[in-house]
């Protein structure tokens, strides 16, 4: 599964903060929010 898809699934789960998820996935908060916003605008 693509890392972006895993990240979005974890965000949608809502049990962990985006900041924590970004640390776990080894990405910046800016990148995490960019992925999330792109998903919200364009869908899966």
C-alpha atoms as a PDB file:
ATOM      1  CA  UNK A   1       0.000   0.000   0.000  1.00  0.00           C
ATOM      2  CA  UNK A   2       1.260   3.468  -0.878  1.00  0.00           C
ATOM      3  CA  UNK A   3       2.640   5.498   2.034  1.00  0.00           C
ATOM      4  CA  UNK A   4       0.261   8.378   1.275  1.00  0.00           C
ATOM      5  CA  UNK A   5      -2.733   6.035   1.418  1.00  0.00           C
ATOM      6  CA  UNK A   6      -1.585   4.637   4.764  1.00  0.00           C
ATOM      7  CA  UNK A   7      -1.100   8.161   6.105  1.00  0.00           C
ATOM      8  CA  UNK A   8      -4.567   9.310   4.979  1.00  0.00           C
ATOM      9  CA  UNK A   9      -6.169   6.167   6.433  1.00  0.00           C
ATOM     10  CA  UNK A  10      -4.475   6.833   9.769  1.00  0.00           C
ATOM     11  CA  UNK A  11      -5.600  10.477   9.742  1.00  0.00           C
ATOM     12  CA  UNK A  12      -9.190   9.440   8.982  1.00  0.00           C
ATOM     13  CA  UNK A  13      -9.046   6.940  11.855  1.00  0.00           C
ATOM     14  CA  UNK A  14      -8.631   9.965  14.136  1.00  0.00           C
ATOM     15  CA  UNK A  15      -6.930   8.176  17.013  1.00  0.00           C
ATOM     16  CA  UNK A  16      -3.550   9.901  16.566  1.00  0.00           C
ATOM     17  CA  UNK A  17      -2.661  13.534  15.923  1.00  0.00           C
ATOM     18  CA  UNK A  18      -1.400  14.585  12.521  1.00  0.00           C
ATOM     19  CA  UNK A  19       1.843  15.761  14.112  1.00  0.00           C
ATOM     20  CA  UNK A  20       2.461  12.310  15.608  1.00  0.00           C
ATOM     21  CA  UNK A  21       1.607  10.614  12.331  1.00  0.00           C
ATOM     22  CA  UNK A  22       4.028  12.857  10.456  1.00  0.00           C
ATOM     23  CA  UNK A  23       6.785  11.866  12.879  1.00  0.00           C
ATOM     24  CA  UNK A  24       5.883   8.192  12.474  1.00  0.00           C
ATOM     25  CA  UNK A  25       5.916   8.406   8.680  1.00  0.00           C
ATOM     26  CA  UNK A  26       9.081  10.498   8.650  1.00  0.00           C
ATOM     27  CA  UNK A  27       7.526  13.453   6.837  1.00  0.00           C
ATOM     28  CA  UNK A  28       7.181  17.124   7.696  1.00  0.00           C
ATOM     29  CA  UNK A  29       3.886  18.542   8.951  1.00  0.00           C
ATOM     30  CA  UNK A  30       3.778  20.653   5.790  1.00  0.00           C
ATOM     31  CA  UNK A  31       3.917  17.512   3.644  1.00  0.00           C
ATOM     32  CA  UNK A  32       1.327  15.750   5.813  1.00  0.00           C
ATOM     33  CA  UNK A  33      -1.133  18.595   5.458  1.00  0.00           C
ATOM     34  CA  UNK A  34      -0.402  18.849   1.720  1.00  0.00           C
ATOM     35  CA  UNK A  35      -1.273  15.150   1.303  1.00  0.00           C
ATOM     36  CA  UNK A  36      -4.408  15.561   3.422  1.00  0.00           C
ATOM     37  CA  UNK A  37      -5.606  18.662   1.575  1.00  0.00           C
ATOM     38  CA  UNK A  38      -4.954  17.033  -1.797  1.00  0.00           C
ATOM     39  CA  UNK A  39      -6.976  13.987  -0.686  1.00  0.00           C
ATOM     40  CA  UNK A  40      -9.845  16.204   0.474  1.00  0.00           C
ATOM     41  CA  UNK A  41      -9.886  18.099  -2.839  1.00  0.00           C
ATOM     42  CA  UNK A  42      -9.304  15.242  -5.280  1.00  0.00           C
ATOM     43  CA  UNK A  43     -10.429  12.146  -3.396  1.00  0.00           C
ATOM     44  CA  UNK A  44      -8.647   8.787  -3.344  1.00  0.00           C
END
